[in-house]
N, C-alpha and C. Protein backbone atom coordinates (compact mmCIF):
# COMPACT_ATOMS: atom_id res chain seq x y z
N UNK A 1 0.83 -1.17 0.00
CA UNK A 1 0.00 0.00 0.00
C UNK A 1 0.88 1.24 0.00
N UNK A 2 0.37 2.25 -0.58
CA UNK A 2 1.16 3.46 -0.69
C UNK A 2 0.31 4.66 -0.29
N UNK A 3 0.71 5.32 0.79
CA UNK A 3 -0.02 6.52 1.20
C UNK A 3 0.29 7.63 0.21
N UNK A 4 -0.61 8.57 0.09
CA UNK A 4 -0.49 9.66 -0.86
C UNK A 4 0.20 10.85 -0.20
N UNK A 5 1.12 11.49 -0.93
CA UNK A 5 1.80 12.67 -0.40
C UNK A 5 0.79 13.77 -0.14
N UNK A 6 0.95 14.43 0.97
CA UNK A 6 0.06 15.50 1.39
C UNK A 6 0.86 16.79 1.46
N UNK A 7 0.17 17.93 1.48
CA UNK A 7 0.88 19.20 1.59
C UNK A 7 1.86 19.16 2.75
N UNK A 8 3.00 19.75 2.58
CA UNK A 8 4.01 19.79 3.63
C UNK A 8 4.82 18.52 3.71
N UNK A 9 4.61 17.59 2.77
CA UNK A 9 5.42 16.38 2.75
C UNK A 9 4.86 15.24 3.59
N UNK A 10 3.85 15.49 4.42
CA UNK A 10 3.28 14.43 5.24
C UNK A 10 2.52 13.46 4.33
N UNK A 11 2.34 12.24 4.79
CA UNK A 11 1.61 11.25 4.02
C UNK A 11 0.18 11.18 4.50
N UNK A 12 -0.75 10.95 3.57
CA UNK A 12 -2.14 10.76 3.95
C UNK A 12 -2.64 9.48 3.34
N UNK A 13 -3.60 8.90 3.99
CA UNK A 13 -4.13 7.63 3.53
C UNK A 13 -5.08 7.80 2.35
N UNK A 14 -5.09 6.77 1.49
CA UNK A 14 -6.04 6.70 0.38
C UNK A 14 -7.15 5.75 0.83
N UNK A 15 -8.39 6.26 0.85
CA UNK A 15 -9.53 5.49 1.33
C UNK A 15 -10.55 5.31 0.20
N UNK A 16 -11.04 4.09 0.06
CA UNK A 16 -12.12 3.80 -0.88
C UNK A 16 -13.41 3.65 -0.09
N UNK A 17 -14.44 4.42 -0.46
CA UNK A 17 -15.75 4.34 0.17
C UNK A 17 -16.71 3.69 -0.83
N UNK A 18 -17.29 2.55 -0.44
CA UNK A 18 -18.23 1.84 -1.31
C UNK A 18 -19.60 1.82 -0.64
N UNK A 19 -20.55 2.54 -1.23
CA UNK A 19 -21.91 2.58 -0.69
C UNK A 19 -22.85 3.00 -1.82
N UNK A 20 -23.95 2.27 -2.00
CA UNK A 20 -24.90 2.60 -3.06
C UNK A 20 -25.80 3.77 -2.69
N UNK A 21 -25.92 4.06 -1.43
CA UNK A 21 -26.77 5.16 -0.97
C UNK A 21 -26.02 6.48 -1.14
N UNK A 22 -26.50 7.33 -2.03
CA UNK A 22 -25.80 8.57 -2.36
C UNK A 22 -25.49 9.43 -1.15
N UNK A 23 -26.47 9.63 -0.27
CA UNK A 23 -26.25 10.50 0.88
C UNK A 23 -25.16 9.94 1.80
N UNK A 24 -25.22 8.66 2.09
CA UNK A 24 -24.21 8.03 2.97
C UNK A 24 -22.82 8.11 2.34
N UNK A 25 -22.74 7.79 1.03
CA UNK A 25 -21.45 7.81 0.35
C UNK A 25 -20.87 9.22 0.33
N UNK A 26 -21.69 10.20 -0.05
CA UNK A 26 -21.20 11.59 -0.09
C UNK A 26 -20.81 12.08 1.30
N UNK A 27 -21.56 11.68 2.32
CA UNK A 27 -21.23 12.08 3.69
C UNK A 27 -19.87 11.53 4.11
N UNK A 28 -19.65 10.26 3.82
CA UNK A 28 -18.36 9.65 4.16
C UNK A 28 -17.21 10.27 3.37
N UNK A 29 -17.42 10.48 2.09
CA UNK A 29 -16.38 11.10 1.26
C UNK A 29 -16.04 12.47 1.79
N UNK A 30 -17.04 13.27 2.07
CA UNK A 30 -16.82 14.63 2.57
C UNK A 30 -16.12 14.61 3.93
N UNK A 31 -16.58 13.78 4.83
CA UNK A 31 -15.97 13.65 6.15
C UNK A 31 -14.50 13.28 6.04
N UNK A 32 -14.19 12.29 5.21
CA UNK A 32 -12.81 11.82 5.09
C UNK A 32 -11.93 12.84 4.38
N UNK A 33 -12.45 13.49 3.34
CA UNK A 33 -11.66 14.53 2.67
C UNK A 33 -11.38 15.69 3.63
N UNK A 34 -12.39 16.08 4.41
CA UNK A 34 -12.20 17.16 5.39
C UNK A 34 -11.19 16.77 6.46
N UNK A 35 -11.02 15.48 6.68
CA UNK A 35 -10.06 14.98 7.67
C UNK A 35 -8.68 14.77 7.06
N UNK A 36 -8.51 15.12 5.77
CA UNK A 36 -7.20 15.07 5.14
C UNK A 36 -6.88 13.82 4.36
N UNK A 37 -7.86 12.96 4.10
CA UNK A 37 -7.61 11.74 3.35
C UNK A 37 -7.83 11.96 1.86
N UNK A 38 -7.18 11.15 1.05
CA UNK A 38 -7.45 11.06 -0.37
C UNK A 38 -8.56 10.01 -0.49
N UNK A 39 -9.68 10.37 -1.13
CA UNK A 39 -10.85 9.49 -1.12
C UNK A 39 -11.32 9.15 -2.53
N UNK A 40 -11.60 7.87 -2.73
CA UNK A 40 -12.22 7.34 -3.95
C UNK A 40 -13.59 6.84 -3.55
N UNK A 41 -14.53 6.77 -4.49
CA UNK A 41 -15.82 6.21 -4.13
C UNK A 41 -16.31 5.23 -5.18
N UNK A 42 -17.20 4.34 -4.72
CA UNK A 42 -17.80 3.33 -5.59
C UNK A 42 -19.27 3.20 -5.21
N UNK A 43 -20.12 2.96 -6.22
CA UNK A 43 -21.56 2.90 -6.00
C UNK A 43 -22.09 1.47 -5.81
N UNK A 44 -21.26 0.48 -6.03
CA UNK A 44 -21.68 -0.91 -5.85
C UNK A 44 -20.44 -1.78 -5.65
N UNK A 45 -20.68 -3.05 -5.36
CA UNK A 45 -19.58 -3.95 -5.09
C UNK A 45 -18.65 -4.20 -6.26
N UNK A 46 -19.21 -4.26 -7.47
CA UNK A 46 -18.38 -4.48 -8.66
C UNK A 46 -17.41 -3.32 -8.83
N UNK A 47 -17.94 -2.11 -8.75
CA UNK A 47 -17.08 -0.93 -8.88
C UNK A 47 -16.05 -0.87 -7.75
N UNK A 48 -16.43 -1.29 -6.55
CA UNK A 48 -15.50 -1.30 -5.42
C UNK A 48 -14.33 -2.25 -5.68
N UNK A 49 -14.62 -3.44 -6.19
CA UNK A 49 -13.55 -4.40 -6.48
C UNK A 49 -12.63 -3.86 -7.57
N UNK A 50 -13.22 -3.31 -8.63
CA UNK A 50 -12.42 -2.77 -9.72
C UNK A 50 -11.50 -1.65 -9.24
N UNK A 51 -12.04 -0.73 -8.45
CA UNK A 51 -11.23 0.39 -7.95
C UNK A 51 -10.19 -0.07 -6.94
N UNK A 52 -10.52 -1.06 -6.14
CA UNK A 52 -9.55 -1.59 -5.17
C UNK A 52 -8.34 -2.17 -5.90
N UNK A 53 -8.59 -2.95 -6.95
CA UNK A 53 -7.50 -3.57 -7.72
C UNK A 53 -6.68 -2.51 -8.46
N UNK A 54 -7.35 -1.54 -9.04
CA UNK A 54 -6.67 -0.51 -9.83
C UNK A 54 -5.95 0.52 -8.96
N UNK A 55 -6.58 0.96 -7.88
CA UNK A 55 -6.06 2.08 -7.08
C UNK A 55 -5.30 1.68 -5.82
N UNK A 56 -5.46 0.43 -5.36
CA UNK A 56 -4.80 -0.08 -4.16
C UNK A 56 -4.92 0.90 -2.98
N UNK A 57 -6.14 1.13 -2.50
CA UNK A 57 -6.31 2.04 -1.36
C UNK A 57 -5.69 1.46 -0.10
N UNK A 58 -5.45 2.32 0.88
CA UNK A 58 -4.91 1.88 2.17
C UNK A 58 -5.99 1.24 3.04
N UNK A 59 -7.23 1.70 2.88
CA UNK A 59 -8.37 1.22 3.66
C UNK A 59 -9.62 1.29 2.78
N UNK A 60 -10.55 0.35 3.01
CA UNK A 60 -11.83 0.37 2.31
C UNK A 60 -12.96 0.41 3.32
N UNK A 61 -13.89 1.34 3.13
CA UNK A 61 -15.14 1.37 3.90
C UNK A 61 -16.20 0.76 2.99
N UNK A 62 -16.82 -0.34 3.42
CA UNK A 62 -17.70 -1.11 2.55
C UNK A 62 -19.09 -1.27 3.15
N UNK A 63 -20.10 -0.76 2.44
CA UNK A 63 -21.48 -1.03 2.81
C UNK A 63 -21.75 -2.51 2.51
N UNK A 64 -22.73 -3.09 3.18
CA UNK A 64 -23.06 -4.49 2.95
C UNK A 64 -24.17 -4.64 1.91
N UNK A 65 -25.28 -3.93 2.10
CA UNK A 65 -26.44 -4.07 1.22
C UNK A 65 -26.29 -3.15 0.01
N UNK A 66 -25.69 -3.68 -1.06
CA UNK A 66 -25.50 -2.92 -2.30
C UNK A 66 -26.00 -3.75 -3.47
N UNK A 67 -26.42 -3.07 -4.55
CA UNK A 67 -26.89 -3.81 -5.74
C UNK A 67 -25.72 -4.41 -6.53
N UNK A 68 -26.06 -5.24 -7.47
CA UNK A 68 -25.14 -5.90 -8.39
C UNK A 68 -24.24 -6.89 -7.66
N UNK A 69 -23.45 -6.41 -6.70
CA UNK A 69 -22.61 -7.27 -5.86
C UNK A 69 -22.62 -6.67 -4.47
N UNK A 70 -23.05 -7.44 -3.46
CA UNK A 70 -23.12 -6.89 -2.11
C UNK A 70 -21.73 -6.80 -1.47
N UNK A 71 -21.67 -6.22 -0.30
CA UNK A 71 -20.39 -6.01 0.38
C UNK A 71 -19.67 -7.29 0.76
N UNK A 72 -20.42 -8.35 1.09
CA UNK A 72 -19.78 -9.64 1.40
C UNK A 72 -19.07 -10.19 0.18
N UNK A 73 -19.77 -10.20 -0.95
CA UNK A 73 -19.18 -10.72 -2.19
C UNK A 73 -17.98 -9.88 -2.62
N UNK A 74 -18.12 -8.56 -2.53
CA UNK A 74 -17.01 -7.67 -2.91
C UNK A 74 -15.80 -7.91 -2.00
N UNK A 75 -16.03 -8.04 -0.70
CA UNK A 75 -14.92 -8.29 0.22
C UNK A 75 -14.26 -9.63 -0.09
N UNK A 76 -15.05 -10.65 -0.42
CA UNK A 76 -14.49 -11.95 -0.79
C UNK A 76 -13.59 -11.83 -2.02
N UNK A 77 -14.05 -11.10 -3.04
CA UNK A 77 -13.24 -10.91 -4.25
C UNK A 77 -11.95 -10.16 -3.94
N UNK A 78 -12.04 -9.16 -3.10
CA UNK A 78 -10.85 -8.39 -2.71
C UNK A 78 -9.88 -9.28 -1.95
N UNK A 79 -10.37 -10.14 -1.08
CA UNK A 79 -9.51 -11.06 -0.32
C UNK A 79 -8.86 -12.12 -1.23
N UNK A 80 -9.55 -12.50 -2.30
CA UNK A 80 -9.03 -13.54 -3.21
C UNK A 80 -7.92 -13.03 -4.12
N UNK A 81 -7.82 -11.72 -4.31
CA UNK A 81 -6.83 -11.14 -5.21
C UNK A 81 -5.54 -10.87 -4.44
N UNK A 82 -4.43 -11.39 -4.91
CA UNK A 82 -3.15 -11.22 -4.20
C UNK A 82 -2.76 -9.76 -4.03
N UNK A 83 -3.14 -8.90 -4.98
CA UNK A 83 -2.79 -7.47 -4.88
C UNK A 83 -3.56 -6.75 -3.78
N UNK A 84 -4.77 -7.23 -3.49
CA UNK A 84 -5.64 -6.51 -2.56
C UNK A 84 -5.96 -7.28 -1.28
N UNK A 85 -5.47 -8.49 -1.17
CA UNK A 85 -5.84 -9.37 -0.06
C UNK A 85 -5.62 -8.79 1.32
N UNK A 86 -4.62 -7.95 1.49
CA UNK A 86 -4.28 -7.44 2.82
C UNK A 86 -4.79 -6.03 3.11
N UNK A 87 -5.58 -5.47 2.20
CA UNK A 87 -6.15 -4.14 2.45
C UNK A 87 -7.20 -4.28 3.54
N UNK A 88 -7.11 -3.47 4.61
CA UNK A 88 -8.15 -3.53 5.64
C UNK A 88 -9.49 -3.07 5.07
N UNK A 89 -10.51 -3.87 5.34
CA UNK A 89 -11.87 -3.52 4.91
C UNK A 89 -12.71 -3.33 6.17
N UNK A 90 -13.39 -2.19 6.23
CA UNK A 90 -14.27 -1.87 7.34
C UNK A 90 -15.70 -1.96 6.83
N UNK A 91 -16.50 -2.84 7.42
CA UNK A 91 -17.92 -2.89 7.08
C UNK A 91 -18.58 -1.67 7.71
N UNK A 92 -19.28 -0.92 6.91
CA UNK A 92 -19.97 0.29 7.38
C UNK A 92 -21.43 0.06 7.05
N UNK A 93 -22.22 -0.42 8.03
CA UNK A 93 -23.51 -0.97 7.70
C UNK A 93 -24.56 -0.80 8.79
N UNK A 94 -25.80 -0.86 8.38
CA UNK A 94 -26.92 -0.88 9.31
C UNK A 94 -27.37 -2.30 9.60
N UNK A 95 -26.75 -3.28 8.96
CA UNK A 95 -27.07 -4.69 9.19
C UNK A 95 -26.37 -5.13 10.47
N UNK A 96 -27.14 -5.45 11.48
CA UNK A 96 -26.51 -5.80 12.75
C UNK A 96 -26.20 -7.30 12.79
N UNK A 97 -24.96 -7.59 13.11
CA UNK A 97 -24.46 -8.96 13.28
C UNK A 97 -23.29 -8.89 14.25
N UNK A 98 -22.98 -10.00 14.81
CA UNK A 98 -21.79 -10.06 15.66
C UNK A 98 -20.55 -9.98 14.78
N UNK A 99 -19.56 -9.20 15.21
CA UNK A 99 -18.35 -9.02 14.41
C UNK A 99 -17.65 -10.34 14.13
N UNK A 100 -17.66 -11.28 15.09
CA UNK A 100 -16.94 -12.54 14.88
C UNK A 100 -17.48 -13.32 13.68
N UNK A 101 -18.72 -13.05 13.26
CA UNK A 101 -19.25 -13.69 12.05
C UNK A 101 -18.61 -13.13 10.79
N UNK A 102 -18.00 -11.94 10.89
CA UNK A 102 -17.47 -11.24 9.73
C UNK A 102 -15.96 -11.14 9.73
N UNK A 103 -15.29 -11.61 10.77
CA UNK A 103 -13.87 -11.32 10.92
C UNK A 103 -12.97 -11.89 9.82
N UNK A 104 -13.43 -12.87 9.06
CA UNK A 104 -12.62 -13.37 7.94
C UNK A 104 -12.57 -12.37 6.79
N UNK A 105 -13.58 -11.53 6.66
CA UNK A 105 -13.65 -10.58 5.55
C UNK A 105 -13.33 -9.15 5.96
N UNK A 106 -13.75 -8.77 7.17
CA UNK A 106 -13.64 -7.38 7.60
C UNK A 106 -12.76 -7.25 8.83
N UNK A 107 -11.98 -6.18 8.86
CA UNK A 107 -11.11 -5.92 10.01
C UNK A 107 -11.86 -5.23 11.14
N UNK A 108 -12.99 -4.60 10.80
CA UNK A 108 -13.78 -3.89 11.79
C UNK A 108 -15.16 -3.63 11.21
N UNK A 109 -16.11 -3.28 12.08
CA UNK A 109 -17.46 -2.94 11.66
C UNK A 109 -17.85 -1.61 12.30
N UNK A 110 -18.37 -0.70 11.48
CA UNK A 110 -18.92 0.56 11.97
C UNK A 110 -20.41 0.51 11.70
N UNK A 111 -21.20 0.68 12.75
CA UNK A 111 -22.65 0.65 12.62
C UNK A 111 -23.19 1.98 12.11
N UNK A 112 -24.19 1.90 11.22
CA UNK A 112 -24.93 3.08 10.79
C UNK A 112 -26.10 3.23 11.74
N UNK A 113 -26.46 4.40 12.17
CA UNK A 113 -25.80 5.66 11.84
C UNK A 113 -24.46 5.75 12.58
N UNK A 114 -23.48 6.32 11.92
CA UNK A 114 -22.13 6.43 12.46
C UNK A 114 -21.86 7.86 12.91
N UNK A 115 -20.80 8.00 13.72
CA UNK A 115 -20.34 9.34 14.07
C UNK A 115 -19.01 9.57 13.37
N UNK A 116 -18.71 10.82 13.09
CA UNK A 116 -17.47 11.13 12.40
C UNK A 116 -16.26 10.69 13.20
N UNK A 117 -16.32 10.82 14.51
CA UNK A 117 -15.18 10.41 15.36
C UNK A 117 -14.87 8.93 15.22
N UNK A 118 -15.91 8.10 15.19
CA UNK A 118 -15.72 6.65 15.07
C UNK A 118 -15.14 6.31 13.70
N UNK A 119 -15.64 6.91 12.65
CA UNK A 119 -15.16 6.64 11.30
C UNK A 119 -13.68 7.00 11.19
N UNK A 120 -13.33 8.21 11.58
CA UNK A 120 -11.94 8.68 11.45
C UNK A 120 -11.01 7.84 12.32
N UNK A 121 -11.39 7.55 13.55
CA UNK A 121 -10.54 6.76 14.44
C UNK A 121 -10.30 5.35 13.89
N UNK A 122 -11.33 4.74 13.32
CA UNK A 122 -11.20 3.39 12.78
C UNK A 122 -10.32 3.39 11.53
N UNK A 123 -10.52 4.35 10.65
CA UNK A 123 -9.69 4.46 9.45
C UNK A 123 -8.24 4.70 9.84
N UNK A 124 -8.01 5.59 10.77
CA UNK A 124 -6.63 5.87 11.23
C UNK A 124 -5.97 4.62 11.78
N UNK A 125 -6.69 3.94 12.67
CA UNK A 125 -6.12 2.77 13.35
C UNK A 125 -5.75 1.68 12.34
N UNK A 126 -6.62 1.40 11.42
CA UNK A 126 -6.35 0.32 10.46
C UNK A 126 -5.46 0.75 9.31
N UNK A 127 -5.61 1.96 8.83
CA UNK A 127 -4.81 2.42 7.71
C UNK A 127 -3.36 2.60 8.03
N UNK A 128 -3.08 3.22 9.16
CA UNK A 128 -1.68 3.44 9.49
C UNK A 128 -1.00 2.18 9.96
N UNK A 129 -1.77 1.22 10.49
CA UNK A 129 -1.18 -0.07 10.87
C UNK A 129 -0.64 -0.77 9.63
N UNK A 130 -1.36 -0.65 8.49
CA UNK A 130 -0.92 -1.26 7.25
C UNK A 130 0.36 -0.64 6.73
N UNK A 131 0.58 0.64 7.00
CA UNK A 131 1.73 1.34 6.44
C UNK A 131 2.95 1.31 7.34
N UNK A 132 2.85 0.66 8.49
CA UNK A 132 4.01 0.57 9.41
C UNK A 132 5.04 -0.42 8.90
């Protein structure tokens, strides 16, 4: 993974946000950009997998209930690809389940509705761990 150069020479994380709901996706993109991240977005699981392989983000925020390919299927495809297998994926969802049911695919789960503090703290914790 490669963090993106930021003003002043500091590095910032590249985050991929995958969510079919326009308001949620735009909110996450705006929140993360305002927090200094380089952000890509995807409207469904297929687009998320394609962008993950092409752009190699440091962290992925993945909705579960998406059309065409849901978040579980997209995470499985990302895990199967040698280039993307180790990218931390955070499930960002309103679907409540125990995290241990998801731990093979996701490094963490953020429940919707989310707070900006939780999103930023989780992205920081997982993204910078990958770049150490």
